[in-house]
């Protein structure tokens, strides 16, 4: 049995578009995810986030669930189109919702951990080029400044961006996330402008506004392994590591983009004129912590059909409902690497969890043994890492609620609370009860 220190933060997490609903309530205008999910063929079953978990109207009930878990903190994101429904037009009613939410959390002794951007770009911003347009940095800073000014007194920690890789590569290169483009050049511009807006927002918060709460960024990371000892698989794994991990973490901590990836992207017709003098210095501005979202390792083999040379390889690991490898030992290897190559900043695991095919029993119970085991294995890994001095300061279990799982719609359930989307009734799963035991005893 291992014990977590008293200052270790246990939490759970959600994001605005995935749970809030109330898509046209309180002055909110559409985001790119409203548009994308309403486009035929883009989201499983034609699902949208229009109602989702109706958290906008049910947040008091959801706070009761958070409180029952005994966690220290709750991570949520703000919907940009609630705050600026039109360019330059601030909406106090949208902000009032987040003030109520954060204030109620504080009253219950739960620390709010706020993400400014979890993918719901206002449609108006997209129509002006979105993050392909360098002007997006100014739009983001205007939005961030309002959030800082209005909410800093009730927020304990800030994240600028969640998983810029997903925004840039899934949204603009692979085309499976909003807005559904398939253009490598655009994806690199989007990645750069996201990272630059992160750095500028940190500078605004710490230097211009002189605010004091911890602020950082969250990257999704997977340790990458070649499927064989063949040179071509090793080379493909290196390329995938560059694509997924290094293209995002290198600028944040090293102030540079990886040269091998610049060569690979250049060979695919990309140019880098969007990188201006001083940009990388801004991107690498010191933060207070580093957020990592971890779900699975990546096993990669060479592909002659993909211009970037890689493709996922089959593995014999036990899988989650997403088909992802359950890989807590590789998670530990990822943290060793981050510590060795990148940063000594405190690390927060800002998301970790698993989808499984849950069954709601007639008595309202959900016996999600797979998720329970997944959480136990990864929290054991966190405890092991801290025994070795890796300084992981907190763990946020994804997700508080079953919700809109992006292109998978409501087909994939990541929640520790089961949501019946017809009735909006909530049912606490066995994994939530197990997590509560761990949190309250601070042992695993």
Protein backbone atom coordinates (compact mmCIF):
# COMPACT_ATOMS: atom_id res chain seq x y z
CA UNK A 1 0.00 0.00 0.00
CA UNK A 2 1.25 3.47 -0.89
CA UNK A 3 0.21 6.78 0.55
CA UNK A 4 -0.31 10.07 -1.29
CA UNK A 5 0.96 13.19 0.45
CA UNK A 6 -1.54 15.57 2.01
CA UNK A 7 -0.80 18.24 -0.62
CA UNK A 8 -1.41 15.84 -3.54
CA UNK A 9 -4.48 17.06 -5.45
CA UNK A 10 -7.14 14.54 -6.44
CA UNK A 11 -9.62 15.80 -8.99
CA UNK A 12 -11.94 15.01 -11.84
CA UNK A 13 -12.41 16.80 -15.15
CA UNK A 14 -14.82 17.78 -17.93
CA UNK A 15 -15.00 20.23 -20.83
CA UNK A 16 -17.63 22.77 -21.79
CA UNK A 17 -18.88 21.47 -25.15
CA UNK A 18 -18.94 17.89 -23.93
CA UNK A 19 -21.28 18.50 -20.97
CA UNK A 20 -22.94 21.92 -20.90
CA UNK A 21 -25.66 21.78 -23.56
CA UNK A 22 -27.72 25.01 -23.57
CA UNK A 23 -26.13 25.69 -26.94
CA UNK A 24 -28.18 28.81 -27.67
CA UNK A 25 -28.99 29.86 -24.10
CA UNK A 26 -27.64 32.94 -22.31
CA UNK A 27 -26.32 34.65 -25.42
CA UNK A 28 -24.07 31.79 -26.57
CA UNK A 29 -23.48 31.59 -30.31
CA UNK A 30 -22.28 28.50 -32.23
CA UNK A 31 -18.78 27.07 -31.97
CA UNK A 32 -17.03 25.08 -34.67
CA UNK A 33 -18.17 21.93 -32.85
CA UNK A 34 -21.83 22.91 -33.18
CA UNK A 35 -21.30 23.36 -36.91
CA UNK A 36 -19.21 20.21 -37.32
CA UNK A 37 -21.55 17.97 -35.34
CA UNK A 38 -24.52 19.17 -37.38
CA UNK A 39 -22.74 18.31 -40.63
CA UNK A 40 -24.02 14.92 -41.85
CA UNK A 41 -21.50 12.09 -41.50
CA UNK A 42 -19.08 13.89 -39.19
CA UNK A 43 -20.24 12.57 -35.79
CA UNK A 44 -21.45 9.08 -34.91
CA UNK A 45 -25.22 8.76 -35.11
CA UNK A 46 -25.56 12.48 -35.95
CA UNK A 47 -25.08 13.31 -32.25
CA UNK A 48 -24.45 16.92 -31.21
CA UNK A 49 -23.61 18.78 -28.00
CA UNK A 50 -26.82 20.80 -28.14
CA UNK A 51 -28.09 19.22 -24.91
CA UNK A 52 -25.18 16.95 -23.87
CA UNK A 53 -25.45 16.44 -20.08
CA UNK A 54 -27.40 19.70 -19.65
CA UNK A 55 -24.76 20.69 -17.08
CA UNK A 56 -25.58 24.36 -17.71
CA UNK A 57 -28.92 23.81 -15.94
CA UNK A 58 -27.84 20.96 -13.65
CA UNK A 59 -24.48 22.14 -12.34
CA UNK A 60 -25.72 22.18 -8.71
CA UNK A 61 -26.54 18.47 -8.97
CA UNK A 62 -23.17 17.80 -10.57
CA UNK A 63 -21.36 19.69 -7.80
CA UNK A 64 -23.09 17.37 -5.32
CA UNK A 65 -21.58 14.40 -7.19
CA UNK A 66 -18.12 16.04 -7.15
CA UNK A 67 -18.53 16.72 -3.44
CA UNK A 68 -19.52 13.08 -2.80
CA UNK A 69 -16.26 11.92 -4.41
CA UNK A 70 -14.27 13.82 -1.79
CA UNK A 71 -11.92 15.28 -4.40
CA UNK A 72 -9.88 18.40 -3.81
CA UNK A 73 -10.41 20.00 -7.21
CA UNK A 74 -12.57 20.08 -10.34
CA UNK A 75 -11.19 20.90 -13.76
CA UNK A 76 -13.60 22.43 -16.28
CA UNK A 77 -13.36 24.61 -19.37
CA UNK A 78 -15.00 27.84 -20.46
CA UNK A 79 -16.99 28.07 -23.69
CA UNK A 80 -15.45 30.96 -25.61
CA UNK A 81 -18.70 31.60 -27.58
CA UNK A 82 -20.50 32.23 -24.28
CA UNK A 83 -18.01 34.98 -23.39
CA UNK A 84 -17.56 36.55 -26.84
CA UNK A 85 -20.56 35.51 -28.94
CA UNK A 86 -19.44 37.97 -31.62
CA UNK A 87 -16.07 39.55 -32.35
CA UNK A 88 -15.27 42.22 -29.77
CA UNK A 89 -18.65 41.80 -28.04
CA UNK A 90 -18.41 40.70 -24.42
CA UNK A 91 -21.37 38.81 -22.92
CA UNK A 92 -21.63 39.25 -19.13
CA UNK A 93 -24.44 36.66 -18.92
CA UNK A 94 -22.09 33.98 -20.23
CA UNK A 95 -19.46 34.90 -17.67
CA UNK A 96 -22.04 34.88 -14.88
CA UNK A 97 -22.57 31.14 -15.35
CA UNK A 98 -18.89 30.40 -14.71
CA UNK A 99 -18.82 32.77 -11.74
CA UNK A 100 -21.74 30.87 -10.19
CA UNK A 101 -20.10 27.52 -10.91
CA UNK A 102 -16.67 28.47 -9.54
CA UNK A 103 -18.15 30.25 -6.50
CA UNK A 104 -20.29 27.24 -5.59
CA UNK A 105 -17.27 24.95 -5.94
CA UNK A 106 -15.25 27.20 -3.63
CA UNK A 107 -18.09 27.22 -1.10
CA UNK A 108 -17.97 23.41 -1.07
CA UNK A 109 -14.19 23.40 -0.58
CA UNK A 110 -13.46 22.26 -4.15
CA UNK A 111 -10.71 24.10 -6.02
CA UNK A 112 -11.66 25.24 -9.55
CA UNK A 113 -9.00 24.46 -12.19
CA UNK A 114 -10.01 26.26 -15.38
CA UNK A 115 -9.08 25.57 -19.01
CA UNK A 116 -9.53 28.55 -21.29
CA UNK A 117 -9.58 26.63 -24.57
CA UNK A 118 -10.91 23.09 -24.85
CA UNK A 119 -11.65 23.21 -28.60
CA UNK A 120 -14.91 25.21 -28.87
CA UNK A 121 -13.67 28.02 -31.13
CA UNK A 122 -16.46 30.54 -31.86
CA UNK A 123 -17.85 30.09 -35.35
CA UNK A 124 -17.32 33.81 -35.98
CA UNK A 125 -13.58 33.35 -35.35
CA UNK A 126 -13.44 30.34 -37.67
CA UNK A 127 -15.06 32.36 -40.44
CA UNK A 128 -12.18 34.82 -40.15
CA UNK A 129 -9.63 32.00 -40.51
CA UNK A 130 -9.62 30.66 -36.94
CA UNK A 131 -6.18 29.71 -35.68
CA UNK A 132 -4.77 29.66 -39.22
CA UNK A 133 -5.01 33.46 -38.94
CA UNK A 134 -2.37 35.14 -36.77
CA UNK A 135 -5.08 37.62 -35.68
CA UNK A 136 -6.53 34.71 -33.66
CA UNK A 137 -3.88 35.40 -31.03
CA UNK A 138 -5.43 38.81 -30.36
CA UNK A 139 -8.95 37.37 -30.22
CA UNK A 140 -7.77 34.75 -27.75
CA UNK A 141 -5.99 37.32 -25.59
CA UNK A 142 -9.10 39.53 -25.45
CA UNK A 143 -11.09 36.49 -24.30
CA UNK A 144 -8.39 35.34 -21.84
CA UNK A 145 -8.08 38.81 -20.29
CA UNK A 146 -11.83 38.97 -19.57
CA UNK A 147 -11.71 35.51 -17.97
CA UNK A 148 -8.70 36.45 -15.86
CA UNK A 149 -10.22 39.73 -14.71
CA UNK A 150 -13.66 38.30 -13.92
CA UNK A 151 -12.74 34.91 -12.47
CA UNK A 152 -9.24 35.00 -10.98
CA UNK A 153 -10.53 35.55 -7.46
CA UNK A 154 -12.53 32.28 -7.60
CA UNK A 155 -10.15 30.16 -9.71
CA UNK A 156 -7.19 28.30 -8.17
CA UNK A 157 -5.25 27.34 -11.33
CA UNK A 158 -5.39 28.14 -15.04
CA UNK A 159 -4.68 26.15 -18.21
CA UNK A 160 -4.36 28.11 -21.45
CA UNK A 161 -4.92 25.30 -23.97
CA UNK A 162 -5.96 21.66 -23.78
CA UNK A 163 -4.28 19.30 -26.24
CA UNK A 164 -3.24 21.61 -29.08
CA UNK A 165 -2.24 18.48 -31.05
CA UNK A 166 -5.90 17.46 -31.28
CA UNK A 167 -6.97 20.93 -32.38
CA UNK A 168 -4.27 21.20 -35.02
CA UNK A 169 -3.71 17.67 -36.29
CA UNK A 170 -7.12 16.05 -35.80
CA UNK A 171 -8.95 19.22 -36.82
CA UNK A 172 -6.83 20.47 -39.70
CA UNK A 173 -4.78 17.52 -40.98
CA UNK A 174 -6.60 14.25 -40.26
CA UNK A 175 -9.98 15.96 -40.55
CA UNK A 176 -11.78 13.87 -37.90
CA UNK A 177 -12.35 16.78 -35.50
CA UNK A 178 -13.83 20.21 -36.13
CA UNK A 179 -13.49 21.94 -38.49
CA UNK A 180 -12.65 18.82 -40.53
CA UNK A 181 -9.88 20.13 -42.80
CA UNK A 182 -7.17 17.93 -44.32
CA UNK A 183 -4.31 20.32 -44.96
CA UNK A 184 -0.88 19.76 -43.39
CA UNK A 185 0.24 23.36 -43.94
CA UNK A 186 -2.85 24.67 -42.14
CA UNK A 187 -2.36 22.25 -39.26
CA UNK A 188 1.19 23.53 -38.66
CA UNK A 189 0.02 27.15 -38.70
CA UNK A 190 -2.79 26.32 -36.27
CA UNK A 191 -0.34 24.52 -33.95
CA UNK A 192 2.02 27.49 -33.99
CA UNK A 193 -0.66 30.09 -33.34
CA UNK A 194 -2.13 27.99 -30.51
CA UNK A 195 1.27 27.69 -28.85
CA UNK A 196 2.01 31.36 -29.40
CA UNK A 197 -1.36 32.39 -27.95
CA UNK A 198 -0.51 30.22 -24.93
CA UNK A 199 2.76 32.06 -24.36
CA UNK A 200 1.16 35.47 -24.87
CA UNK A 201 -1.65 34.59 -22.44
CA UNK A 202 0.85 33.54 -19.76
CA UNK A 203 2.72 36.81 -20.30
CA UNK A 204 -0.55 38.76 -20.05
CA UNK A 205 -1.52 36.99 -16.83
CA UNK A 206 1.80 37.11 -15.01
CA UNK A 207 3.46 40.26 -16.31
CA UNK A 208 0.75 42.65 -17.52
CA UNK A 209 -2.02 41.80 -15.06
CA UNK A 210 0.43 40.82 -12.29
CA UNK A 211 -1.77 37.90 -11.25
CA UNK A 212 -0.42 35.15 -9.01
CA UNK A 213 -2.25 31.84 -9.47
CA UNK A 214 -0.44 28.92 -11.13
CA UNK A 215 -0.81 28.88 -14.93
CA UNK A 216 0.35 26.36 -17.53
CA UNK A 217 -0.57 24.33 -20.60
CA UNK A 218 -1.83 20.76 -21.07
CA UNK A 219 -0.45 18.50 -23.81
CA UNK A 220 -1.72 15.03 -24.66
CA UNK A 221 1.27 12.70 -24.79
CA UNK A 222 1.84 9.04 -25.62
CA UNK A 223 5.19 7.26 -25.41
CA UNK A 224 5.91 5.84 -28.86
CA UNK A 225 7.42 2.42 -29.60
CA UNK A 226 8.40 0.78 -32.91
CA UNK A 227 6.49 -2.40 -33.73
CA UNK A 228 9.71 -4.27 -34.59
CA UNK A 229 13.49 -3.92 -34.59
CA UNK A 230 13.41 -3.10 -38.32
CA UNK A 231 15.01 0.25 -39.16
CA UNK A 232 11.95 1.41 -41.07
CA UNK A 233 9.70 0.87 -38.04
CA UNK A 234 12.15 2.69 -35.80
CA UNK A 235 12.22 5.62 -38.25
CA UNK A 236 8.42 5.62 -38.43
CA UNK A 237 8.17 5.64 -34.62
CA UNK A 238 10.56 8.59 -34.48
CA UNK A 239 8.39 10.46 -36.99
CA UNK A 240 5.22 9.71 -35.05
CA UNK A 241 6.86 10.85 -31.82
CA UNK A 242 7.73 14.09 -33.59
CA UNK A 243 4.20 14.45 -34.94
CA UNK A 244 2.42 13.74 -31.65
CA UNK A 245 4.83 14.79 -28.91
CA UNK A 246 7.95 16.73 -29.88
CA UNK A 247 6.30 19.25 -32.25
CA UNK A 248 4.39 20.56 -29.20
CA UNK A 249 6.61 19.97 -26.16
CA UNK A 250 9.89 21.12 -27.78
CA UNK A 251 8.75 24.71 -28.42
CA UNK A 252 7.25 24.98 -24.92
CA UNK A 253 10.39 23.81 -23.09
CA UNK A 254 13.24 24.14 -25.58
CA UNK A 255 12.12 27.16 -27.59
CA UNK A 256 12.56 25.30 -30.89
CA UNK A 257 10.80 22.97 -33.29
CA UNK A 258 12.45 19.57 -33.93
CA UNK A 259 14.65 19.74 -37.04
CA UNK A 260 13.83 16.22 -38.24
CA UNK A 261 10.13 17.15 -38.35
CA UNK A 262 10.79 20.43 -40.12
CA UNK A 263 12.58 18.36 -42.75
CA UNK A 264 9.75 15.81 -42.99
CA UNK A 265 7.07 18.50 -43.22
CA UNK A 266 9.21 20.47 -45.67
CA UNK A 267 9.49 17.37 -47.86
CA UNK A 268 5.69 17.33 -47.89
CA UNK A 269 5.47 20.84 -49.29
CA UNK A 270 5.17 22.81 -46.04
CA UNK A 271 6.85 26.13 -45.42
CA UNK A 272 7.42 27.92 -42.12
CA UNK A 273 7.06 31.62 -42.91
CA UNK A 274 4.36 31.84 -40.20
CA UNK A 275 7.12 31.53 -37.55
CA UNK A 276 8.15 35.11 -36.84
CA UNK A 277 11.13 36.46 -34.95
CA UNK A 278 10.56 36.26 -31.21
CA UNK A 279 7.72 33.72 -31.47
CA UNK A 280 9.61 30.82 -29.96
CA UNK A 281 10.82 32.97 -27.09
CA UNK A 282 7.17 33.82 -26.36
CA UNK A 283 6.03 30.19 -26.62
CA UNK A 284 8.69 29.05 -24.16
CA UNK A 285 7.85 31.64 -21.47
CA UNK A 286 8.21 29.99 -18.03
CA UNK A 287 5.02 28.49 -16.62
CA UNK A 288 4.16 27.25 -13.13
CA UNK A 289 3.32 23.63 -13.95
CA UNK A 290 2.99 21.24 -16.88
CA UNK A 291 -0.26 19.41 -17.56
CA UNK A 292 -0.16 15.97 -19.22
CA UNK A 293 -3.18 14.07 -20.51
CA UNK A 294 -2.33 10.38 -20.73
CA UNK A 295 -4.46 7.53 -22.03
CA UNK A 296 -2.29 4.98 -23.82
CA UNK A 297 1.03 4.16 -25.45
CA UNK A 298 1.47 4.19 -29.25
CA UNK A 299 2.86 1.22 -31.19
CA UNK A 300 3.94 2.31 -34.66
CA UNK A 301 5.06 0.66 -37.90
CA UNK A 302 6.20 2.02 -41.24
CA UNK A 303 3.64 2.94 -43.89
CA UNK A 304 4.36 3.47 -47.57
CA UNK A 305 0.91 5.02 -48.05
CA UNK A 306 1.14 7.77 -45.43
CA UNK A 307 3.36 10.65 -46.64
CA UNK A 308 4.50 11.08 -43.01
CA UNK A 309 5.72 7.41 -43.06
CA UNK A 310 3.89 5.97 -40.01
CA UNK A 311 0.76 4.04 -39.10
CA UNK A 312 -0.54 2.38 -35.90
CA UNK A 313 0.52 -1.24 -35.49
CA UNK A 314 -1.62 -4.00 -33.95
CA UNK A 315 -0.69 -4.99 -30.40
CA UNK A 316 -1.55 -7.80 -28.01
CA UNK A 317 -2.13 -5.49 -25.04
CA UNK A 318 -5.45 -5.45 -23.19
CA UNK A 319 -7.59 -2.66 -24.65
CA UNK A 320 -10.12 -0.07 -23.48
CA UNK A 321 -13.41 0.48 -25.26
CA UNK A 322 -11.61 2.89 -27.58
CA UNK A 323 -9.27 0.11 -28.69
CA UNK A 324 -6.40 1.82 -26.85
CA UNK A 325 -3.64 -0.16 -25.15
CA UNK A 326 -3.82 -0.21 -21.35
CA UNK A 327 -0.23 0.71 -20.58
CA UNK A 328 0.54 2.06 -17.07
CA UNK A 329 4.21 1.01 -17.23
CA UNK A 330 4.72 2.98 -20.43
CA UNK A 331 3.06 5.92 -18.70
CA UNK A 332 5.87 5.80 -16.16
CA UNK A 333 8.43 5.74 -18.98
CA UNK A 334 6.81 8.85 -20.46
CA UNK A 335 7.20 10.73 -17.16
CA UNK A 336 10.85 9.65 -16.84
CA UNK A 337 11.46 11.04 -20.31
CA UNK A 338 9.71 14.35 -19.60
CA UNK A 339 11.82 14.73 -16.46
CA UNK A 340 15.06 13.80 -18.21
CA UNK A 341 14.62 15.81 -21.40
CA UNK A 342 12.26 18.68 -20.70
CA UNK A 343 11.30 20.13 -17.34
CA UNK A 344 11.48 20.09 -13.55
CA UNK A 345 8.13 21.91 -13.25
CA UNK A 346 5.44 20.27 -11.12
CA UNK A 347 3.41 17.88 -13.29
CA UNK A 348 -0.35 17.51 -13.12
CA UNK A 349 -1.99 14.54 -14.81
CA UNK A 350 -4.86 16.68 -16.08
CA UNK A 351 -6.69 13.77 -17.73
CA UNK A 352 -6.49 10.00 -17.37
CA UNK A 353 -9.32 7.56 -17.80
CA UNK A 354 -10.93 4.99 -20.05
CA UNK A 355 -14.06 4.28 -22.08
CA UNK A 356 -15.77 0.92 -21.64
CA UNK A 357 -19.14 -0.48 -22.71
CA UNK A 358 -20.99 0.18 -19.46
CA UNK A 359 -24.29 -1.44 -18.57
CA UNK A 360 -26.81 0.28 -16.31
CA UNK A 361 -28.37 -2.40 -14.09
CA UNK A 362 -32.07 -2.24 -13.11
CA UNK A 363 -31.07 -1.18 -9.58
CA UNK A 364 -29.10 1.81 -10.93
CA UNK A 365 -25.66 0.29 -10.42
CA UNK A 366 -22.88 0.15 -13.03
CA UNK A 367 -20.23 -2.50 -12.42
CA UNK A 368 -17.40 -1.06 -14.52
CA UNK A 369 -14.60 -3.38 -13.44
CA UNK A 370 -12.44 -2.47 -16.44
CA UNK A 371 -12.41 1.22 -15.58
CA UNK A 372 -11.85 0.49 -11.91
CA UNK A 373 -8.78 -1.55 -12.79
CA UNK A 374 -7.51 1.07 -15.23
CA UNK A 375 -7.72 3.83 -12.61
CA UNK A 376 -6.08 1.69 -9.94
CA UNK A 377 -3.18 0.77 -12.24
CA UNK A 378 -2.52 4.37 -13.24
CA UNK A 379 -2.82 5.77 -9.71
CA UNK A 380 -0.41 3.06 -8.56
CA UNK A 381 1.97 4.28 -11.28
CA UNK A 382 1.58 7.88 -10.04
CA UNK A 383 2.35 6.76 -6.47
CA UNK A 384 5.40 4.84 -7.72
CA UNK A 385 6.61 7.88 -9.66
CA UNK A 386 6.29 10.14 -6.64
CA UNK A 387 8.23 7.62 -4.55
CA UNK A 388 11.00 8.16 -7.10
CA UNK A 389 10.82 11.94 -6.77
CA UNK A 390 9.02 12.66 -10.06
CA UNK A 391 6.93 15.44 -8.44
CA UNK A 392 3.46 14.70 -9.79
CA UNK A 393 1.30 17.15 -7.85
CA UNK A 394 -2.17 16.00 -8.85
CA UNK A 395 -4.37 13.60 -10.80
CA UNK A 396 -7.63 14.45 -12.59
CA UNK A 397 -9.76 11.46 -13.50
CA UNK A 398 -11.46 11.80 -16.90
CA UNK A 399 -14.34 12.13 -16.78
CA UNK A 400 -16.84 13.16 -14.12
CA UNK A 401 -19.75 12.34 -16.45
CA UNK A 402 -20.45 10.28 -19.52
CA UNK A 403 -20.61 12.96 -22.20
CA UNK A 404 -20.34 13.97 -25.85
CA UNK A 405 -17.18 12.16 -26.93
CA UNK A 406 -16.42 14.33 -29.97
CA UNK A 407 -16.62 12.40 -33.27
CA UNK A 408 -17.83 9.32 -31.36
CA UNK A 409 -20.91 11.19 -30.11
CA UNK A 410 -22.58 9.47 -27.15
CA UNK A 411 -21.32 6.02 -28.17
CA UNK A 412 -18.21 6.08 -25.92
CA UNK A 413 -18.61 6.45 -22.17
CA UNK A 414 -15.61 7.78 -20.21
CA UNK A 415 -17.55 8.86 -17.12
CA UNK A 416 -17.31 7.63 -13.58
CA UNK A 417 -20.95 8.76 -13.46
CA UNK A 418 -23.39 7.11 -15.86
CA UNK A 419 -25.67 9.56 -17.67
CA UNK A 420 -28.95 8.40 -19.16
CA UNK A 421 -29.11 10.89 -22.01
CA UNK A 422 -32.88 10.43 -22.42
CA UNK A 423 -33.74 11.38 -18.84
CA UNK A 424 -30.49 13.14 -17.77
CA UNK A 425 -30.49 10.98 -14.65
CA UNK A 426 -27.03 10.40 -13.15
CA UNK A 427 -25.88 7.07 -11.66
CA UNK A 428 -22.58 6.75 -9.80
CA UNK A 429 -20.51 3.84 -11.18
CA UNK A 430 -18.41 1.41 -9.16
CA UNK A 431 -15.27 3.20 -10.43
CA UNK A 432 -16.45 6.41 -8.73
CA UNK A 433 -16.94 4.54 -5.47
CA UNK A 434 -13.45 3.05 -5.72
CA UNK A 435 -11.98 6.46 -6.54
CA UNK A 436 -13.75 7.90 -3.50
CA UNK A 437 -12.13 5.24 -1.30
CA UNK A 438 -8.68 6.09 -2.69
CA UNK A 439 -9.24 9.85 -2.29
CA UNK A 440 -10.53 9.62 1.26
CA UNK A 441 -7.83 7.22 2.48
CA UNK A 442 -5.13 8.84 0.29
CA UNK A 443 -3.76 5.34 -0.26
CA UNK A 444 -3.60 2.83 -3.10
